[in-house]
Amino acid sequence: MRWGRLVSSYAIDDGGLLLLFDPIAPPSEIVELAAGRETAIVLTCPWHERAARGLVERFNWPLFTPPPDSQEDLMRKYGVTAEEAAGGSPDLAWLQAADTGAAVPEPCPTLSCFSFGGRARISER
């Protein structure tokens, strides 16, 4: 399936907390708004990582994301072979590579995701 070129991202500001949803290179006004306040990135799905990596590396903002599909997930969902699913989805591979295992993820009680403070990490299921 091909997606159109027009995609969007959102920021929600409640006066104290700033949430960036599926961020795409936020404008300087949003970055300035984040200065000195609690800011977090929320990915609605792992393949919406877009500018998230650069923002996590630059600002060390926490990231909330569902985990990417494992090799078994891809085989079950799409009927592909183990060779075709080789290692699972490449989404968020930079987080998997950076994961030292030092932090234990906190399950989000009302969302199907994992949260990681500071340097973002992704968890095993």
N, C-alpha and C. Protein backbone atom coordinates (compact mmCIF):
# COMPACT_ATOMS: atom_id res chain seq x y z
N MET A 1 0.85 -1.18 0.00
CA MET A 1 0.00 0.00 0.00
C MET A 1 0.89 1.24 0.00
N ARG A 2 0.55 2.18 -0.81
CA ARG A 2 1.31 3.43 -0.88
C ARG A 2 0.54 4.51 -0.14
N TRP A 3 1.27 5.33 0.58
CA TRP A 3 0.68 6.44 1.32
C TRP A 3 0.91 7.72 0.55
N GLY A 4 -0.03 8.65 0.70
CA GLY A 4 0.13 9.95 0.07
C GLY A 4 1.28 10.71 0.69
N ARG A 5 1.70 11.74 0.06
CA ARG A 5 2.82 12.54 0.57
C ARG A 5 2.43 13.45 1.73
N LEU A 6 1.14 13.74 1.85
CA LEU A 6 0.69 14.63 2.91
C LEU A 6 0.47 13.84 4.20
N VAL A 7 1.30 14.10 5.19
CA VAL A 7 1.17 13.49 6.50
C VAL A 7 1.18 14.62 7.53
N SER A 8 0.79 14.30 8.76
CA SER A 8 0.74 15.37 9.77
C SER A 8 1.28 14.88 11.10
N SER A 9 1.57 15.83 11.94
CA SER A 9 1.94 15.55 13.32
C SER A 9 1.28 16.63 14.17
N TYR A 10 1.22 16.38 15.47
CA TYR A 10 0.48 17.29 16.34
C TYR A 10 1.24 17.56 17.62
N ALA A 11 0.94 18.69 18.23
CA ALA A 11 1.45 19.03 19.56
C ALA A 11 0.26 19.42 20.41
N ILE A 12 0.26 18.93 21.63
CA ILE A 12 -0.79 19.29 22.59
C ILE A 12 -0.12 19.96 23.78
N ASP A 13 -0.58 21.15 24.10
CA ASP A 13 -0.04 21.95 25.19
C ASP A 13 -1.13 22.17 26.23
N ASP A 14 -0.93 21.63 27.45
CA ASP A 14 -1.94 21.84 28.50
C ASP A 14 -1.51 22.93 29.48
N GLY A 15 -0.50 23.71 29.09
CA GLY A 15 -0.01 24.77 29.95
C GLY A 15 1.17 24.34 30.81
N GLY A 16 1.33 23.05 31.01
CA GLY A 16 2.46 22.53 31.78
C GLY A 16 3.22 21.48 31.01
N LEU A 17 2.48 20.58 30.41
CA LEU A 17 3.06 19.47 29.66
C LEU A 17 2.86 19.71 28.17
N LEU A 18 3.90 19.41 27.39
CA LEU A 18 3.82 19.50 25.93
C LEU A 18 4.03 18.11 25.37
N LEU A 19 3.07 17.61 24.61
CA LEU A 19 3.16 16.30 23.98
C LEU A 19 3.28 16.48 22.47
N LEU A 20 4.27 15.83 21.89
CA LEU A 20 4.47 15.85 20.45
C LEU A 20 4.07 14.48 19.91
N PHE A 21 3.05 14.45 19.05
CA PHE A 21 2.55 13.20 18.48
C PHE A 21 3.13 13.00 17.09
N ASP A 22 3.81 11.87 16.89
CA ASP A 22 4.38 11.52 15.58
C ASP A 22 5.10 12.72 14.96
N PRO A 23 6.07 13.31 15.68
CA PRO A 23 6.65 14.58 15.23
C PRO A 23 7.39 14.49 13.90
N ILE A 24 7.14 15.51 13.09
CA ILE A 24 7.86 15.72 11.83
C ILE A 24 8.55 17.07 11.97
N ALA A 25 9.85 17.08 12.12
CA ALA A 25 10.63 18.32 12.21
C ALA A 25 9.81 19.48 12.76
N PRO A 26 9.61 19.53 14.07
CA PRO A 26 8.77 20.60 14.62
C PRO A 26 9.34 21.98 14.34
N PRO A 27 8.47 22.95 14.08
CA PRO A 27 8.94 24.31 13.84
C PRO A 27 9.60 24.89 15.09
N SER A 28 10.40 25.91 14.90
CA SER A 28 11.14 26.52 16.01
C SER A 28 10.20 26.99 17.12
N GLU A 29 8.99 27.40 16.79
CA GLU A 29 8.03 27.85 17.81
C GLU A 29 7.69 26.72 18.78
N ILE A 30 7.59 25.50 18.28
CA ILE A 30 7.29 24.36 19.14
C ILE A 30 8.51 24.02 20.00
N VAL A 31 9.70 24.05 19.42
CA VAL A 31 10.92 23.78 20.18
C VAL A 31 11.09 24.83 21.28
N GLU A 32 10.83 26.09 20.98
CA GLU A 32 10.91 27.15 21.98
C GLU A 32 9.87 26.96 23.08
N LEU A 33 8.68 26.52 22.70
CA LEU A 33 7.62 26.25 23.67
C LEU A 33 8.02 25.14 24.63
N ALA A 34 8.80 24.17 24.15
CA ALA A 34 9.23 23.04 24.97
C ALA A 34 10.31 23.41 25.97
N ALA A 35 11.01 24.51 25.74
CA ALA A 35 12.10 24.90 26.63
C ALA A 35 11.60 25.13 28.05
N GLY A 36 12.24 24.48 28.99
CA GLY A 36 11.91 24.70 30.40
C GLY A 36 10.62 24.06 30.86
N ARG A 37 10.08 23.15 30.11
CA ARG A 37 8.85 22.47 30.54
C ARG A 37 8.94 20.99 30.23
N GLU A 38 8.07 20.25 30.85
CA GLU A 38 8.04 18.81 30.62
C GLU A 38 7.49 18.54 29.22
N THR A 39 8.28 17.83 28.43
CA THR A 39 7.92 17.52 27.05
C THR A 39 8.13 16.04 26.82
N ALA A 40 7.25 15.43 26.05
CA ALA A 40 7.37 14.02 25.72
C ALA A 40 6.93 13.79 24.28
N ILE A 41 7.44 12.71 23.70
CA ILE A 41 7.09 12.31 22.35
C ILE A 41 6.19 11.08 22.44
N VAL A 42 5.12 11.08 21.68
CA VAL A 42 4.21 9.94 21.62
C VAL A 42 4.13 9.48 20.18
N LEU A 43 4.45 8.21 19.95
CA LEU A 43 4.28 7.64 18.62
C LEU A 43 3.00 6.81 18.64
N THR A 44 2.12 7.07 17.70
CA THR A 44 0.88 6.33 17.65
C THR A 44 1.08 4.93 17.08
N CYS A 45 2.19 4.73 16.38
CA CYS A 45 2.59 3.41 15.91
C CYS A 45 4.11 3.48 15.67
N PRO A 46 4.82 2.38 15.77
CA PRO A 46 6.28 2.42 15.67
C PRO A 46 6.81 2.98 14.36
N TRP A 47 6.09 2.81 13.26
CA TRP A 47 6.60 3.29 11.98
C TRP A 47 6.38 4.79 11.79
N HIS A 48 5.85 5.48 12.78
CA HIS A 48 5.74 6.94 12.74
C HIS A 48 6.92 7.61 13.45
N GLU A 49 8.06 6.97 13.47
CA GLU A 49 9.20 7.53 14.19
C GLU A 49 9.71 8.84 13.61
N ARG A 50 9.58 9.06 12.32
CA ARG A 50 9.85 10.34 11.66
C ARG A 50 11.02 11.09 12.29
N ALA A 51 10.78 12.21 12.98
CA ALA A 51 11.84 13.02 13.59
C ALA A 51 12.12 12.64 15.04
N ALA A 52 11.49 11.59 15.54
CA ALA A 52 11.61 11.23 16.96
C ALA A 52 13.05 10.97 17.37
N ARG A 53 13.80 10.25 16.56
CA ARG A 53 15.18 9.92 16.93
C ARG A 53 16.01 11.18 17.17
N GLY A 54 15.94 12.11 16.23
CA GLY A 54 16.71 13.34 16.38
C GLY A 54 16.29 14.14 17.60
N LEU A 55 14.99 14.17 17.88
CA LEU A 55 14.51 14.91 19.05
C LEU A 55 14.93 14.25 20.36
N VAL A 56 14.88 12.92 20.41
CA VAL A 56 15.33 12.20 21.60
C VAL A 56 16.82 12.43 21.81
N GLU A 57 17.60 12.33 20.74
CA GLU A 57 19.05 12.52 20.86
C GLU A 57 19.40 13.96 21.23
N ARG A 58 18.67 14.91 20.69
CA ARG A 58 18.98 16.33 20.93
C ARG A 58 18.50 16.81 22.30
N PHE A 59 17.28 16.40 22.71
CA PHE A 59 16.69 16.95 23.92
C PHE A 59 16.52 15.94 25.05
N ASN A 60 16.73 14.65 24.75
CA ASN A 60 16.58 13.61 25.76
C ASN A 60 15.16 13.53 26.31
N TRP A 61 14.18 13.85 25.47
CA TRP A 61 12.78 13.78 25.88
C TRP A 61 12.35 12.33 25.97
N PRO A 62 11.48 11.99 26.91
CA PRO A 62 10.98 10.62 26.98
C PRO A 62 10.11 10.31 25.77
N LEU A 63 10.08 9.04 25.41
CA LEU A 63 9.35 8.57 24.25
C LEU A 63 8.35 7.50 24.68
N PHE A 64 7.13 7.61 24.22
CA PHE A 64 6.08 6.63 24.47
C PHE A 64 5.72 6.00 23.13
N THR A 65 5.82 4.69 23.04
CA THR A 65 5.59 4.01 21.76
C THR A 65 5.14 2.58 21.95
N PRO A 66 4.29 2.10 21.07
CA PRO A 66 4.04 0.65 21.05
C PRO A 66 5.30 -0.02 20.51
N PRO A 67 5.59 -1.24 20.92
CA PRO A 67 6.77 -1.92 20.38
C PRO A 67 6.56 -2.29 18.92
N PRO A 68 7.65 -2.36 18.13
CA PRO A 68 7.51 -2.78 16.73
C PRO A 68 7.20 -4.27 16.65
N ASP A 69 6.74 -4.70 15.49
CA ASP A 69 6.42 -6.10 15.28
C ASP A 69 7.67 -6.98 15.35
N SER A 70 7.56 -8.08 16.08
CA SER A 70 8.64 -9.06 16.13
C SER A 70 8.58 -9.93 14.87
N GLN A 71 9.57 -10.77 14.70
CA GLN A 71 9.57 -11.70 13.57
C GLN A 71 8.33 -12.57 13.62
N GLU A 72 7.98 -13.05 14.80
CA GLU A 72 6.79 -13.89 14.95
C GLU A 72 5.51 -13.12 14.61
N ASP A 73 5.44 -11.85 15.03
CA ASP A 73 4.28 -11.01 14.70
C ASP A 73 4.10 -10.90 13.19
N LEU A 74 5.20 -10.62 12.48
CA LEU A 74 5.12 -10.46 11.03
C LEU A 74 4.70 -11.75 10.35
N MET A 75 5.20 -12.88 10.85
CA MET A 75 4.84 -14.17 10.27
C MET A 75 3.35 -14.45 10.49
N ARG A 76 2.86 -14.17 11.69
CA ARG A 76 1.46 -14.42 12.01
C ARG A 76 0.52 -13.46 11.26
N LYS A 77 0.85 -12.17 11.27
CA LYS A 77 -0.03 -11.16 10.66
C LYS A 77 -0.08 -11.23 9.14
N TYR A 78 1.09 -11.47 8.52
CA TYR A 78 1.17 -11.33 7.07
C TYR A 78 1.46 -12.64 6.35
N GLY A 79 1.61 -13.73 7.10
CA GLY A 79 1.83 -15.02 6.48
C GLY A 79 3.15 -15.14 5.75
N VAL A 80 4.15 -14.38 6.15
CA VAL A 80 5.46 -14.44 5.51
C VAL A 80 6.30 -15.51 6.19
N THR A 81 7.36 -15.92 5.53
CA THR A 81 8.24 -16.93 6.08
C THR A 81 9.19 -16.30 7.09
N ALA A 82 9.86 -17.14 7.87
CA ALA A 82 10.85 -16.65 8.84
C ALA A 82 11.96 -15.88 8.15
N GLU A 83 12.36 -16.34 6.97
CA GLU A 83 13.40 -15.65 6.22
C GLU A 83 12.93 -14.26 5.77
N GLU A 84 11.68 -14.18 5.33
CA GLU A 84 11.13 -12.89 4.89
C GLU A 84 10.96 -11.93 6.06
N ALA A 85 10.66 -12.45 7.23
CA ALA A 85 10.44 -11.62 8.42
C ALA A 85 11.74 -11.33 9.16
N ALA A 86 12.81 -11.93 8.72
CA ALA A 86 14.16 -11.83 9.28
C ALA A 86 14.36 -10.79 10.37
N GLY A 87 14.21 -11.19 11.60
CA GLY A 87 14.50 -10.31 12.72
C GLY A 87 13.39 -9.35 13.10
N GLY A 88 12.30 -9.35 12.38
CA GLY A 88 11.18 -8.46 12.73
C GLY A 88 11.24 -7.13 12.02
N SER A 89 10.35 -6.27 12.43
CA SER A 89 10.23 -4.95 11.81
C SER A 89 11.48 -4.11 12.06
N PRO A 90 11.93 -3.36 11.06
CA PRO A 90 13.08 -2.47 11.26
C PRO A 90 12.70 -1.17 11.98
N ASP A 91 11.40 -0.97 12.24
CA ASP A 91 10.98 0.25 12.93
C ASP A 91 11.66 0.35 14.28
N LEU A 92 12.13 1.54 14.61
CA LEU A 92 12.76 1.85 15.89
C LEU A 92 14.02 1.04 16.16
N ALA A 93 14.68 0.57 15.10
CA ALA A 93 15.90 -0.21 15.27
C ALA A 93 16.96 0.58 16.04
N TRP A 94 16.98 1.89 15.89
CA TRP A 94 17.94 2.73 16.61
C TRP A 94 17.72 2.64 18.12
N LEU A 95 16.48 2.46 18.56
CA LEU A 95 16.22 2.30 19.99
C LEU A 95 16.66 0.93 20.46
N GLN A 96 16.40 -0.07 19.66
CA GLN A 96 16.81 -1.42 20.02
C GLN A 96 18.32 -1.49 20.12
N ALA A 97 19.04 -0.84 19.21
CA ALA A 97 20.50 -0.84 19.23
C ALA A 97 21.04 -0.09 20.44
N ALA A 98 20.33 0.95 20.87
CA ALA A 98 20.78 1.76 22.01
C ALA A 98 20.38 1.16 23.34
N ASP A 99 19.49 0.17 23.33
CA ASP A 99 18.96 -0.40 24.57
C ASP A 99 20.05 -1.22 25.25
N THR A 100 20.49 -0.75 26.40
CA THR A 100 21.51 -1.46 27.16
C THR A 100 20.90 -2.42 28.15
N GLY A 101 19.59 -2.36 28.32
CA GLY A 101 18.93 -3.21 29.28
C GLY A 101 18.99 -2.67 30.69
N ALA A 102 19.58 -1.48 30.86
CA ALA A 102 19.74 -0.91 32.19
C ALA A 102 18.43 -0.39 32.77
N ALA A 103 17.51 -0.01 31.91
CA ALA A 103 16.24 0.54 32.40
C ALA A 103 15.13 -0.48 32.21
N VAL A 104 14.24 -0.53 33.16
CA VAL A 104 13.07 -1.40 33.05
C VAL A 104 11.92 -0.54 32.57
N PRO A 105 11.29 -0.92 31.47
CA PRO A 105 10.19 -0.10 30.95
C PRO A 105 8.99 -0.13 31.89
N GLU A 106 8.25 0.96 31.90
CA GLU A 106 7.05 1.05 32.70
C GLU A 106 5.85 0.90 31.78
N PRO A 107 5.01 -0.14 31.97
CA PRO A 107 3.82 -0.23 31.13
C PRO A 107 2.90 0.95 31.38
N CYS A 108 2.33 1.51 30.32
CA CYS A 108 1.34 2.57 30.46
C CYS A 108 0.03 1.90 30.85
N PRO A 109 -0.58 2.25 31.96
CA PRO A 109 -1.76 1.53 32.42
C PRO A 109 -2.97 1.63 31.50
N THR A 110 -3.13 2.72 30.77
CA THR A 110 -4.32 2.86 29.93
C THR A 110 -4.01 2.78 28.44
N LEU A 111 -2.74 2.62 28.10
CA LEU A 111 -2.35 2.57 26.69
C LEU A 111 -1.57 1.29 26.42
N SER A 112 -1.56 0.87 25.20
CA SER A 112 -0.76 -0.29 24.81
C SER A 112 0.60 0.20 24.35
N CYS A 113 1.42 0.61 25.29
CA CYS A 113 2.74 1.11 24.94
C CYS A 113 3.67 0.96 26.13
N PHE A 114 4.90 1.35 25.93
CA PHE A 114 5.87 1.37 27.00
C PHE A 114 6.48 2.76 27.05
N SER A 115 6.77 3.24 28.25
CA SER A 115 7.36 4.57 28.38
C SER A 115 8.77 4.43 28.92
N PHE A 116 9.62 5.35 28.50
CA PHE A 116 10.99 5.36 28.94
C PHE A 116 11.40 6.79 29.20
N GLY A 117 11.82 7.09 30.41
CA GLY A 117 12.27 8.43 30.73
C GLY A 117 13.67 8.65 30.20
N GLY A 118 14.01 9.89 29.97
CA GLY A 118 15.35 10.22 29.50
C GLY A 118 15.64 9.55 28.18
N ARG A 119 16.77 8.90 28.09
CA ARG A 119 17.15 8.21 26.86
C ARG A 119 16.13 7.11 26.56
N ALA A 120 15.50 7.19 25.43
CA ALA A 120 14.42 6.26 25.10
C ALA A 120 14.96 4.85 24.86
N ARG A 121 14.17 3.89 25.25
CA ARG A 121 14.47 2.49 25.02
C ARG A 121 13.21 1.78 24.60
N ILE A 122 13.38 0.64 24.03
CA ILE A 122 12.25 -0.16 23.63
C ILE A 122 12.34 -1.50 24.34
N SER A 123 11.22 -2.09 24.67
CA SER A 123 11.26 -3.31 25.46
C SER A 123 10.91 -4.53 24.64
N GLU A 124 11.32 -5.66 25.16
CA GLU A 124 10.86 -6.93 24.60
C GLU A 124 9.44 -7.15 25.07
N ARG A 125 8.67 -7.88 24.33
CA ARG A 125 7.29 -8.15 24.75
C ARG A 125 7.26 -9.22 25.79
